[in-house]
Full PDB file with SEQRES, HELIX, SHEET, SSBOND, CRYST1, ORIGX, SCALE, CONECT and MASTER records, all heavy atoms in Angstrom:
SEQRES   1 A   39  LEU SER PRO GLU ASP THR ALA VAL TYR TYR CYS ALA ALA          
SEQRES   2 A   39  ARG THR GLY ASP PHE VAL ARG TYR ASP VAL GLU ASP TYR          
SEQRES   3 A   39  ASP VAL TRP GLY GLN GLY THR GLN VAL THR VAL SER SER          
HELIX    1 AA1 PRO A    3  ASP A    5  5                                   3    
HELIX    2 AA2 VAL A   23  ASP A   25  5                                   3    
SHEET    1 AA1 2 ALA A   7  TYR A   9  0                                        
SHEET    2 AA1 2 THR A  33  VAL A  35 -1                                        
SHEET    1 AA2 2 ALA A  12  ALA A  13  0                                        
SHEET    2 AA2 2 VAL A  28  TRP A  29 -1                                        
CRYST1    1.000    1.000    1.000  90.00  90.00  90.00 P 1           1          
ORIGX1      1.000000  0.000000  0.000000        0.00000                         
ORIGX2      0.000000  1.000000  0.000000        0.00000                         
ORIGX3      0.000000  0.000000  1.000000        0.00000                         
SCALE1      1.000000  0.000000  0.000000        0.00000                         
SCALE2      0.000000  1.000000  0.000000        0.00000                         
SCALE3      0.000000  0.000000  1.000000        0.00000                         
ATOM      1  N   LEU A   1      31.449 -16.085   3.967  1.00  0.00           N  
ATOM      2  CA  LEU A   1      31.292 -15.280   2.762  1.00  0.00           C  
ATOM      3  C   LEU A   1      31.382 -16.146   1.507  1.00  0.00           C  
ATOM      4  O   LEU A   1      32.134 -17.136   1.464  1.00  0.00           O  
ATOM      5  CB  LEU A   1      32.342 -14.187   2.718  1.00  0.00           C  
ATOM      6  CG  LEU A   1      32.092 -13.006   3.668  1.00  0.00           C  
ATOM      7  CD1 LEU A   1      33.362 -12.192   3.870  1.00  0.00           C  
ATOM      8  CD2 LEU A   1      30.974 -12.128   3.129  1.00  0.00           C  
ATOM      9  N   SER A   2      30.625 -15.759   0.500  1.00  0.00           N  
ATOM     10  CA  SER A   2      30.650 -16.432  -0.796  1.00  0.00           C  
ATOM     11  C   SER A   2      30.864 -15.392  -1.887  1.00  0.00           C  
ATOM     12  O   SER A   2      30.641 -14.204  -1.657  1.00  0.00           O  
ATOM     13  CB  SER A   2      29.354 -17.194  -1.028  1.00  0.00           C  
ATOM     14  OG  SER A   2      28.300 -16.285  -1.303  1.00  0.00           O  
ATOM     15  N   PRO A   3      31.298 -15.830  -3.072  1.00  0.00           N  
ATOM     16  CA  PRO A   3      31.479 -14.854  -4.165  1.00  0.00           C  
ATOM     17  C   PRO A   3      30.220 -14.061  -4.480  1.00  0.00           C  
ATOM     18  O   PRO A   3      30.315 -12.909  -4.941  1.00  0.00           O  
ATOM     19  CB  PRO A   3      31.878 -15.755  -5.339  1.00  0.00           C  
ATOM     20  CG  PRO A   3      32.576 -16.901  -4.698  1.00  0.00           C  
ATOM     21  CD  PRO A   3      31.800 -17.158  -3.428  1.00  0.00           C  
ATOM     22  N   GLU A   4      29.049 -14.636  -4.182  1.00  0.00           N  
ATOM     23  CA  GLU A   4      27.784 -13.926  -4.421  1.00  0.00           C  
ATOM     24  C   GLU A   4      27.613 -12.713  -3.497  1.00  0.00           C  
ATOM     25  O   GLU A   4      26.753 -11.876  -3.725  1.00  0.00           O  
ATOM     26  CB  GLU A   4      26.595 -14.864  -4.245  1.00  0.00           C  
ATOM     27  CG  GLU A   4      26.426 -15.907  -5.359  1.00  0.00           C  
ATOM     28  CD  GLU A   4      27.524 -16.951  -5.355  1.00  0.00           C  
ATOM     29  OE1 GLU A   4      27.999 -17.319  -4.248  1.00  0.00           O  
ATOM     30  OE2 GLU A   4      27.922 -17.400  -6.452  1.00  0.00           O  
ATOM     31  N   ASP A   5      28.432 -12.622  -2.453  1.00  0.00           N  
ATOM     32  CA  ASP A   5      28.380 -11.471  -1.548  1.00  0.00           C  
ATOM     33  C   ASP A   5      29.223 -10.311  -2.046  1.00  0.00           C  
ATOM     34  O   ASP A   5      29.223  -9.239  -1.426  1.00  0.00           O  
ATOM     35  CB  ASP A   5      28.861 -11.879  -0.159  1.00  0.00           C  
ATOM     36  CG  ASP A   5      27.964 -12.917   0.496  1.00  0.00           C  
ATOM     37  OD1 ASP A   5      26.730 -12.771   0.421  1.00  0.00           O  
ATOM     38  OD2 ASP A   5      28.500 -13.888   1.065  1.00  0.00           O  
ATOM     39  N   THR A   6      29.942 -10.510  -3.137  1.00  0.00           N  
ATOM     40  CA  THR A   6      30.763  -9.434  -3.676  1.00  0.00           C  
ATOM     41  C   THR A   6      29.890  -8.253  -4.099  1.00  0.00           C  
ATOM     42  O   THR A   6      28.935  -8.421  -4.874  1.00  0.00           O  
ATOM     43  CB  THR A   6      31.564  -9.944  -4.885  1.00  0.00           C  
ATOM     44  OG1 THR A   6      32.510 -10.922  -4.436  1.00  0.00           O  
ATOM     45  CG2 THR A   6      32.317  -8.798  -5.567  1.00  0.00           C  
ATOM     46  N   ALA A   7      30.187  -7.091  -3.572  1.00  0.00           N  
ATOM     47  CA  ALA A   7      29.378  -5.903  -3.838  1.00  0.00           C  
ATOM     48  C   ALA A   7      30.010  -4.705  -3.139  1.00  0.00           C  
ATOM     49  O   ALA A   7      30.905  -4.866  -2.297  1.00  0.00           O  
ATOM     50  CB  ALA A   7      27.948  -6.085  -3.343  1.00  0.00           C  
ATOM     51  N   VAL A   8      29.496  -3.534  -3.463  1.00  0.00           N  
ATOM     52  CA  VAL A   8      29.773  -2.352  -2.650  1.00  0.00           C  
ATOM     53  C   VAL A   8      28.689  -2.311  -1.577  1.00  0.00           C  
ATOM     54  O   VAL A   8      27.506  -2.384  -1.890  1.00  0.00           O  
ATOM     55  CB  VAL A   8      29.756  -1.061  -3.482  1.00  0.00           C  
ATOM     56  CG1 VAL A   8      29.966   0.151  -2.573  1.00  0.00           C  
ATOM     57  CG2 VAL A   8      30.812  -1.113  -4.574  1.00  0.00           C  
ATOM     58  N   TYR A   9      29.120  -2.201  -0.334  1.00  0.00           N  
ATOM     59  CA  TYR A   9      28.192  -2.194   0.787  1.00  0.00           C  
ATOM     60  C   TYR A   9      28.011  -0.767   1.299  1.00  0.00           C  
ATOM     61  O   TYR A   9      29.002  -0.054   1.534  1.00  0.00           O  
ATOM     62  CB  TYR A   9      28.704  -3.098   1.900  1.00  0.00           C  
ATOM     63  CG  TYR A   9      28.480  -4.562   1.595  1.00  0.00           C  
ATOM     64  CD1 TYR A   9      29.227  -5.201   0.621  1.00  0.00           C  
ATOM     65  CD2 TYR A   9      27.508  -5.296   2.264  1.00  0.00           C  
ATOM     66  CE1 TYR A   9      29.018  -6.538   0.316  1.00  0.00           C  
ATOM     67  CE2 TYR A   9      27.287  -6.634   1.969  1.00  0.00           C  
ATOM     68  CZ  TYR A   9      28.038  -7.241   0.992  1.00  0.00           C  
ATOM     69  OH  TYR A   9      27.817  -8.571   0.688  1.00  0.00           O  
ATOM     70  N   TYR A  10      26.749  -0.382   1.448  1.00  0.00           N  
ATOM     71  CA  TYR A  10      26.398   0.959   1.877  1.00  0.00           C  
ATOM     72  C   TYR A  10      25.673   0.934   3.213  1.00  0.00           C  
ATOM     73  O   TYR A  10      24.800   0.091   3.438  1.00  0.00           O  
ATOM     74  CB  TYR A  10      25.474   1.624   0.855  1.00  0.00           C  
ATOM     75  CG  TYR A  10      26.096   1.839  -0.508  1.00  0.00           C  
ATOM     76  CD1 TYR A  10      26.003   0.868  -1.500  1.00  0.00           C  
ATOM     77  CD2 TYR A  10      26.762   3.035  -0.800  1.00  0.00           C  
ATOM     78  CE1 TYR A  10      26.568   1.071  -2.745  1.00  0.00           C  
ATOM     79  CE2 TYR A  10      27.332   3.243  -2.050  1.00  0.00           C  
ATOM     80  CZ  TYR A  10      27.224   2.256  -3.011  1.00  0.00           C  
ATOM     81  OH  TYR A  10      27.785   2.460  -4.254  1.00  0.00           O  
ATOM     82  N   CYS A  11      26.001   1.903   4.031  1.00  0.00           N  
ATOM     83  CA  CYS A  11      25.302   2.153   5.277  1.00  0.00           C  
ATOM     84  C   CYS A  11      24.239   3.226   5.002  1.00  0.00           C  
ATOM     85  O   CYS A  11      24.488   4.168   4.235  1.00  0.00           O  
ATOM     86  CB  CYS A  11      26.312   2.639   6.310  1.00  0.00           C  
ATOM     87  SG  CYS A  11      25.654   3.211   7.859  1.00  0.00           S  
ATOM     88  N   ALA A  12      23.063   3.082   5.607  1.00  0.00           N  
ATOM     89  CA  ALA A  12      21.985   4.037   5.386  1.00  0.00           C  
ATOM     90  C   ALA A  12      21.221   4.292   6.678  1.00  0.00           C  
ATOM     91  O   ALA A  12      21.150   3.424   7.546  1.00  0.00           O  
ATOM     92  CB  ALA A  12      21.028   3.510   4.310  1.00  0.00           C  
ATOM     93  N   ALA A  13      20.618   5.480   6.755  1.00  0.00           N  
ATOM     94  CA  ALA A  13      19.853   5.860   7.938  1.00  0.00           C  
ATOM     95  C   ALA A  13      18.527   6.467   7.519  1.00  0.00           C  
ATOM     96  O   ALA A  13      18.423   7.100   6.468  1.00  0.00           O  
ATOM     97  CB  ALA A  13      20.640   6.862   8.780  1.00  0.00           C  
ATOM     98  N   ARG A  14      17.523   6.251   8.361  1.00  0.00           N  
ATOM     99  CA  ARG A  14      16.227   6.868   8.114  1.00  0.00           C  
ATOM    100  C   ARG A  14      15.589   7.243   9.442  1.00  0.00           C  
ATOM    101  O   ARG A  14      15.887   6.640  10.486  1.00  0.00           O  
ATOM    102  CB  ARG A  14      15.285   5.932   7.354  1.00  0.00           C  
ATOM    103  CG  ARG A  14      14.851   4.708   8.113  1.00  0.00           C  
ATOM    104  CD  ARG A  14      13.925   3.828   7.251  1.00  0.00           C  
ATOM    105  NE  ARG A  14      12.688   4.509   6.894  1.00  0.00           N  
ATOM    106  CZ  ARG A  14      11.579   4.490   7.628  1.00  0.00           C  
ATOM    107  NH1 ARG A  14      11.537   3.799   8.753  1.00  0.00           N  
ATOM    108  NH2 ARG A  14      10.497   5.132   7.209  1.00  0.00           N  
ATOM    109  N   THR A  15      14.754   8.250   9.410  1.00  0.00           N  
ATOM    110  CA  THR A  15      13.930   8.554  10.564  1.00  0.00           C  
ATOM    111  C   THR A  15      12.701   7.673  10.491  1.00  0.00           C  
ATOM    112  O   THR A  15      12.347   7.156   9.435  1.00  0.00           O  
ATOM    113  CB  THR A  15      13.522  10.031  10.574  1.00  0.00           C  
ATOM    114  OG1 THR A  15      12.893  10.349   9.327  1.00  0.00           O  
ATOM    115  CG2 THR A  15      14.738  10.926  10.763  1.00  0.00           C  
ATOM    116  N   GLY A  16      12.071   7.459  11.626  1.00  0.00           N  
ATOM    117  CA  GLY A  16      10.921   6.568  11.638  1.00  0.00           C  
ATOM    118  C   GLY A  16      11.143   5.446  12.624  1.00  0.00           C  
ATOM    119  O   GLY A  16      12.164   5.387  13.317  1.00  0.00           O  
ATOM    120  N   ASP A  17      10.180   4.554  12.688  1.00  0.00           N  
ATOM    121  CA  ASP A  17      10.186   3.522  13.718  1.00  0.00           C  
ATOM    122  C   ASP A  17      10.680   2.157  13.250  1.00  0.00           C  
ATOM    123  O   ASP A  17      11.178   1.371  14.047  1.00  0.00           O  
ATOM    124  CB  ASP A  17       8.779   3.351  14.292  1.00  0.00           C  
ATOM    125  CG  ASP A  17       8.322   4.609  15.028  1.00  0.00           C  
ATOM    126  OD1 ASP A  17       9.193   5.328  15.553  1.00  0.00           O  
ATOM    127  OD2 ASP A  17       7.108   4.850  15.076  1.00  0.00           O  
ATOM    128  N   PHE A  18      10.525   1.878  11.976  1.00  0.00           N  
ATOM    129  CA  PHE A  18      10.726   0.502  11.530  1.00  0.00           C  
ATOM    130  C   PHE A  18      11.722   0.391  10.382  1.00  0.00           C  
ATOM    131  O   PHE A  18      11.916   1.327   9.628  1.00  0.00           O  
ATOM    132  CB  PHE A  18       9.394  -0.117  11.098  1.00  0.00           C  
ATOM    133  CG  PHE A  18       8.356  -0.102  12.172  1.00  0.00           C  
ATOM    134  CD1 PHE A  18       7.282   0.764  12.105  1.00  0.00           C  
ATOM    135  CD2 PHE A  18       8.453  -0.945  13.275  1.00  0.00           C  
ATOM    136  CE1 PHE A  18       6.318   0.798  13.107  1.00  0.00           C  
ATOM    137  CE2 PHE A  18       7.512  -0.909  14.276  1.00  0.00           C  
ATOM    138  CZ  PHE A  18       6.434  -0.048  14.190  1.00  0.00           C  
ATOM    139  N   VAL A  19      12.314  -0.770  10.271  1.00  0.00           N  
ATOM    140  CA  VAL A  19      13.186  -1.069   9.147  1.00  0.00           C  
ATOM    141  C   VAL A  19      12.344  -1.129   7.875  1.00  0.00           C  
ATOM    142  O   VAL A  19      11.267  -1.719   7.859  1.00  0.00           O  
ATOM    143  CB  VAL A  19      13.910  -2.409   9.364  1.00  0.00           C  
ATOM    144  CG1 VAL A  19      14.699  -2.798   8.114  1.00  0.00           C  
ATOM    145  CG2 VAL A  19      14.831  -2.328  10.572  1.00  0.00           C  
ATOM    146  N   ARG A  20      12.847  -0.489   6.819  1.00  0.00           N  
ATOM    147  CA  ARG A  20      12.224  -0.559   5.508  1.00  0.00           C  
ATOM    148  C   ARG A  20      13.211  -1.197   4.546  1.00  0.00           C  
ATOM    149  O   ARG A  20      14.417  -1.194   4.776  1.00  0.00           O  
ATOM    150  CB  ARG A  20      11.852   0.831   5.017  1.00  0.00           C  
ATOM    151  CG  ARG A  20      10.911   1.579   5.960  1.00  0.00           C  
ATOM    152  CD  ARG A  20       9.484   1.141   5.822  1.00  0.00           C  
ATOM    153  NE  ARG A  20       8.589   1.955   6.649  1.00  0.00           N  
ATOM    154  CZ  ARG A  20       7.288   1.737   6.766  1.00  0.00           C  
ATOM    155  NH1 ARG A  20       6.725   0.732   6.106  1.00  0.00           N  
ATOM    156  NH2 ARG A  20       6.554   2.505   7.531  1.00  0.00           N  
ATOM    157  N   TYR A  21      12.685  -1.700   3.420  1.00  0.00           N  
ATOM    158  CA  TYR A  21      13.537  -2.484   2.542  1.00  0.00           C  
ATOM    159  C   TYR A  21      13.900  -1.798   1.231  1.00  0.00           C  
ATOM    160  O   TYR A  21      14.661  -2.340   0.438  1.00  0.00           O  
ATOM    161  CB  TYR A  21      12.854  -3.811   2.242  1.00  0.00           C  
ATOM    162  CG  TYR A  21      12.414  -4.544   3.488  1.00  0.00           C  
ATOM    163  CD1 TYR A  21      11.067  -4.782   3.749  1.00  0.00           C  
ATOM    164  CD2 TYR A  21      13.361  -4.967   4.414  1.00  0.00           C  
ATOM    165  CE1 TYR A  21      10.669  -5.440   4.893  1.00  0.00           C  
ATOM    166  CE2 TYR A  21      12.975  -5.619   5.566  1.00  0.00           C  
ATOM    167  CZ  TYR A  21      11.625  -5.858   5.795  1.00  0.00           C  
ATOM    168  OH  TYR A  21      11.242  -6.506   6.945  1.00  0.00           O  
ATOM    169  N   ASP A  22      13.342  -0.616   0.997  1.00  0.00           N  
ATOM    170  CA  ASP A  22      13.555   0.078  -0.260  1.00  0.00           C  
ATOM    171  C   ASP A  22      14.559   1.214  -0.107  1.00  0.00           C  
ATOM    172  O   ASP A  22      14.554   1.935   0.906  1.00  0.00           O  
ATOM    173  CB  ASP A  22      12.238   0.634  -0.804  1.00  0.00           C  
ATOM    174  CG  ASP A  22      11.274  -0.444  -1.204  1.00  0.00           C  
ATOM    175  OD1 ASP A  22      11.749  -1.541  -1.584  1.00  0.00           O  
ATOM    176  OD2 ASP A  22      10.055  -0.221  -1.131  1.00  0.00           O  
ATOM    177  N   VAL A  23      15.365   1.407  -1.140  1.00  0.00           N  
ATOM    178  CA  VAL A  23      16.353   2.478  -1.146  1.00  0.00           C  
ATOM    179  C   VAL A  23      15.690   3.831  -0.888  1.00  0.00           C  
ATOM    180  O   VAL A  23      16.232   4.673  -0.153  1.00  0.00           O  
ATOM    181  CB  VAL A  23      17.093   2.481  -2.496  1.00  0.00           C  
ATOM    182  CG1 VAL A  23      17.935   3.733  -2.661  1.00  0.00           C  
ATOM    183  CG2 VAL A  23      17.929   1.227  -2.658  1.00  0.00           C  
ATOM    184  N   GLU A  24      14.505   4.033  -1.459  1.00  0.00           N  
ATOM    185  CA  GLU A  24      13.822   5.322  -1.370  1.00  0.00           C  
ATOM    186  C   GLU A  24      13.404   5.677   0.061  1.00  0.00           C  
ATOM    187  O   GLU A  24      13.105   6.823   0.342  1.00  0.00           O  
ATOM    188  CB  GLU A  24      12.582   5.315  -2.262  1.00  0.00           C  
ATOM    189  CG  GLU A  24      12.860   5.230  -3.752  1.00  0.00           C  
ATOM    190  CD  GLU A  24      13.273   3.844  -4.205  1.00  0.00           C  
ATOM    191  OE1 GLU A  24      13.037   2.865  -3.453  1.00  0.00           O  
ATOM    192  OE2 GLU A  24      13.845   3.733  -5.305  1.00  0.00           O  
ATOM    193  N   ASP A  25      13.382   4.721   0.944  1.00  0.00           N  
ATOM    194  CA  ASP A  25      12.934   4.955   2.321  1.00  0.00           C  
ATOM    195  C   ASP A  25      14.037   5.497   3.220  1.00  0.00           C  
ATOM    196  O   ASP A  25      13.775   5.812   4.378  1.00  0.00           O  
ATOM    197  CB  ASP A  25      12.384   3.675   2.927  1.00  0.00           C  
ATOM    198  CG  ASP A  25      11.075   3.257   2.280  1.00  0.00           C  
ATOM    199  OD1 ASP A  25      10.250   4.151   1.985  1.00  0.00           O  
ATOM    200  OD2 ASP A  25      10.891   2.047   2.043  1.00  0.00           O  
ATOM    201  N   TYR A  26      15.259   5.598   2.724  1.00  0.00           N  
ATOM    202  CA  TYR A  26      16.387   6.028   3.540  1.00  0.00           C  
ATOM    203  C   TYR A  26      16.867   7.404   3.112  1.00  0.00           C  
ATOM    204  O   TYR A  26      16.950   7.710   1.930  1.00  0.00           O  
ATOM    205  CB  TYR A  26      17.517   4.991   3.470  1.00  0.00           C  
ATOM    206  CG  TYR A  26      17.122   3.749   4.240  1.00  0.00           C  
ATOM    207  CD1 TYR A  26      16.280   2.799   3.657  1.00  0.00           C  
ATOM    208  CD2 TYR A  26      17.527   3.563   5.547  1.00  0.00           C  
ATOM    209  CE1 TYR A  26      15.865   1.690   4.382  1.00  0.00           C  
ATOM    210  CE2 TYR A  26      17.130   2.444   6.273  1.00  0.00           C  
ATOM    211  CZ  TYR A  26      16.289   1.516   5.679  1.00  0.00           C  
ATOM    212  OH  TYR A  26      15.874   0.430   6.391  1.00  0.00           O  
ATOM    213  N   ASP A  27      17.174   8.220   4.132  1.00  0.00           N  
ATOM    214  CA  ASP A  27      17.470   9.640   3.904  1.00  0.00           C  
ATOM    215  C   ASP A  27      18.960   9.930   3.726  1.00  0.00           C  
ATOM    216  O   ASP A  27      19.332  10.875   3.042  1.00  0.00           O  
ATOM    217  CB  ASP A  27      16.971  10.468   5.106  1.00  0.00           C  
ATOM    218  CG  ASP A  27      15.534  10.174   5.452  1.00  0.00           C  
ATOM    219  OD1 ASP A  27      14.688  10.290   4.546  1.00  0.00           O  
ATOM    220  OD2 ASP A  27      15.261   9.835   6.624  1.00  0.00           O  
ATOM    221  N   VAL A  28      19.783   9.140   4.382  1.00  0.00           N  
ATOM    222  CA  VAL A  28      21.212   9.426   4.439  1.00  0.00           C  
ATOM    223  C   VAL A  28      21.981   8.176   4.030  1.00  0.00           C  
ATOM    224  O   VAL A  28      21.639   7.079   4.481  1.00  0.00           O  
ATOM    225  CB  VAL A  28      21.643   9.868   5.842  1.00  0.00           C  
ATOM    226  CG1 VAL A  28      23.107  10.292   5.843  1.00  0.00           C  
ATOM    227  CG2 VAL A  28      20.760  11.004   6.348  1.00  0.00           C  
ATOM    228  N   TRP A  29      23.025   8.378   3.243  1.00  0.00           N  
ATOM    229  CA  TRP A  29      23.821   7.261   2.744  1.00  0.00           C  
ATOM    230  C   TRP A  29      25.316   7.546   2.921  1.00  0.00           C  
ATOM    231  O   TRP A  29      25.754   8.696   2.820  1.00  0.00           O  
ATOM    232  CB  TRP A  29      23.554   7.026   1.261  1.00  0.00           C  
ATOM    233  CG  TRP A  29      22.171   6.532   0.998  1.00  0.00           C  
ATOM    234  CD1 TRP A  29      21.037   7.273   0.860  1.00  0.00           C  
ATOM    235  CD2 TRP A  29      21.774   5.167   0.872  1.00  0.00           C  
ATOM    236  NE1 TRP A  29      19.950   6.464   0.642  1.00  0.00           N  
ATOM    237  CE2 TRP A  29      20.381   5.152   0.646  1.00  0.00           C  
ATOM    238  CE3 TRP A  29      22.447   3.941   0.917  1.00  0.00           C  
ATOM    239  CZ2 TRP A  29      19.655   3.966   0.464  1.00  0.00           C  
ATOM    240  CZ3 TRP A  29      21.729   2.773   0.735  1.00  0.00           C  
ATOM    241  CH2 TRP A  29      20.347   2.786   0.514  1.00  0.00           C  
ATOM    242  N   GLY A  30      26.058   6.479   3.152  1.00  0.00           N  
ATOM    243  CA  GLY A  30      27.509   6.575   3.113  1.00  0.00           C  
ATOM    244  C   GLY A  30      28.015   6.440   1.695  1.00  0.00           C  
ATOM    245  O   GLY A  30      27.239   6.271   0.756  1.00  0.00           O  
ATOM    246  N   GLN A  31      29.343   6.486   1.558  1.00  0.00           N  
ATOM    247  CA  GLN A  31      29.940   6.434   0.231  1.00  0.00           C  
ATOM    248  C   GLN A  31      30.162   5.005  -0.251  1.00  0.00           C  
ATOM    249  O   GLN A  31      30.453   4.778  -1.428  1.00  0.00           O  
ATOM    250  CB  GLN A  31      31.274   7.195   0.231  1.00  0.00           C  
ATOM    251  CG  GLN A  31      32.477   6.404   0.735  1.00  0.00           C  
ATOM    252  CD  GLN A  31      32.432   6.084   2.216  1.00  0.00           C  
ATOM    253  OE1 GLN A  31      31.680   6.697   2.975  1.00  0.00           O  
ATOM    254  NE2 GLN A  31      33.236   5.129   2.642  1.00  0.00           N  
ATOM    255  N   GLY A  32      30.046   4.045   0.667  1.00  0.00           N  
ATOM    256  CA  GLY A  32      30.188   2.644   0.287  1.00  0.00           C  
ATOM    257  C   GLY A  32      31.577   2.103   0.521  1.00  0.00           C  
ATOM    258  O   GLY A  32      32.564   2.843   0.496  1.00  0.00           O  
ATOM    259  N   THR A  33      31.655   0.800   0.743  1.00  0.00           N  
ATOM    260  CA  THR A  33      32.936   0.115   0.869  1.00  0.00           C  
ATOM    261  C   THR A  33      32.867  -1.182   0.082  1.00  0.00           C  
ATOM    262  O   THR A  33      31.871  -1.901   0.144  1.00  0.00           O  
ATOM    263  CB  THR A  33      33.286  -0.133   2.354  1.00  0.00           C  
ATOM    264  OG1 THR A  33      34.598  -0.699   2.450  1.00  0.00           O  
ATOM    265  CG2 THR A  33      32.292  -1.057   3.041  1.00  0.00           C  
ATOM    266  N   GLN A  34      33.912  -1.468  -0.670  1.00  0.00           N  
ATOM    267  CA  GLN A  34      33.919  -2.622  -1.563  1.00  0.00           C  
ATOM    268  C   GLN A  34      34.259  -3.902  -0.794  1.00  0.00           C  
ATOM    269  O   GLN A  34      35.247  -3.955  -0.047  1.00  0.00           O  
ATOM    270  CB  GLN A  34      34.941  -2.428  -2.673  1.00  0.00           C  
ATOM    271  CG  GLN A  34      35.105  -3.613  -3.609  1.00  0.00           C  
ATOM    272  CD  GLN A  34      33.906  -3.822  -4.512  1.00  0.00           C  
ATOM    273  OE1 GLN A  34      33.429  -2.874  -5.133  1.00  0.00           O  
ATOM    274  NE2 GLN A  34      33.415  -5.064  -4.603  1.00  0.00           N  
ATOM    275  N   VAL A  35      33.450  -4.918  -1.007  1.00  0.00           N  
ATOM    276  CA  VAL A  35      33.727  -6.250  -0.488  1.00  0.00           C  
ATOM    277  C   VAL A  35      33.850  -7.188  -1.689  1.00  0.00           C  
ATOM    278  O   VAL A  35      32.938  -7.269  -2.514  1.00  0.00           O  
ATOM    279  CB  VAL A  35      32.604  -6.743   0.451  1.00  0.00           C  
ATOM    280  CG1 VAL A  35      32.813  -8.205   0.812  1.00  0.00           C  
ATOM    281  CG2 VAL A  35      32.546  -5.877   1.701  1.00  0.00           C  
ATOM    282  N   THR A  36      34.977  -7.857  -1.794  1.00  0.00           N  
ATOM    283  CA  THR A  36      35.210  -8.789  -2.888  1.00  0.00           C  
ATOM    284  C   THR A  36      35.551 -10.160  -2.298  1.00  0.00           C  
ATOM    285  O   THR A  36      36.473 -10.263  -1.476  1.00  0.00           O  
ATOM    286  CB  THR A  36      36.364  -8.319  -3.790  1.00  0.00           C  
ATOM    287  OG1 THR A  36      36.054  -7.018  -4.295  1.00  0.00           O  
ATOM    288  CG2 THR A  36      36.557  -9.275  -4.956  1.00  0.00           C  
ATOM    289  N   VAL A  37      34.804 -11.159  -2.709  1.00  0.00           N  
ATOM    290  CA  VAL A  37      35.011 -12.507  -2.209  1.00  0.00           C  
ATOM    291  C   VAL A  37      35.437 -13.397  -3.366  1.00  0.00           C  
ATOM    292  O   VAL A  37      34.711 -13.523  -4.354  1.00  0.00           O  
ATOM    293  CB  VAL A  37      33.747 -13.071  -1.555  1.00  0.00           C  
ATOM    294  CG1 VAL A  37      34.021 -14.445  -0.939  1.00  0.00           C  
ATOM    295  CG2 VAL A  37      33.216 -12.116  -0.486  1.00  0.00           C  
ATOM    296  N   SER A  38      36.610 -13.980  -3.234  1.00  0.00           N  
ATOM    297  CA  SER A  38      37.123 -14.840  -4.296  1.00  0.00           C  
ATOM    298  C   SER A  38      36.807 -16.299  -4.005  1.00  0.00           C  
ATOM    299  O   SER A  38      36.730 -16.710  -2.848  1.00  0.00           O  
ATOM    300  CB  SER A  38      38.640 -14.658  -4.429  1.00  0.00           C  
ATOM    301  OG  SER A  38      39.275 -15.031  -3.227  1.00  0.00           O  
ATOM    302  N   SER A  39      36.640 -17.066  -5.061  1.00  0.00           N  
ATOM    303  CA  SER A  39      36.301 -18.483  -4.899  1.00  0.00           C  
ATOM    304  C   SER A  39      37.544 -19.343  -4.744  1.00  0.00           C  
ATOM    305  O   SER A  39      38.659 -18.891  -4.945  1.00  0.00           O  
ATOM    306  CB  SER A  39      35.484 -18.960  -6.098  1.00  0.00           C  
ATOM    307  OG  SER A  39      36.204 -18.744  -7.285  1.00  0.00           O  
TER     308      SER A  39                                                      
MASTER        0    0    0    2    4    0    0    6  307    1    0    3          
END                                                                             
């Protein structure tokens, strides 16, 4: 891990066959979990 990885991480789900890269392509989201990486 590096400080650049610091973020809130979200889990998402979508129907369909393939992984998509845009937020708009996912139907369901979690509330997020904070990851903080110190240098």
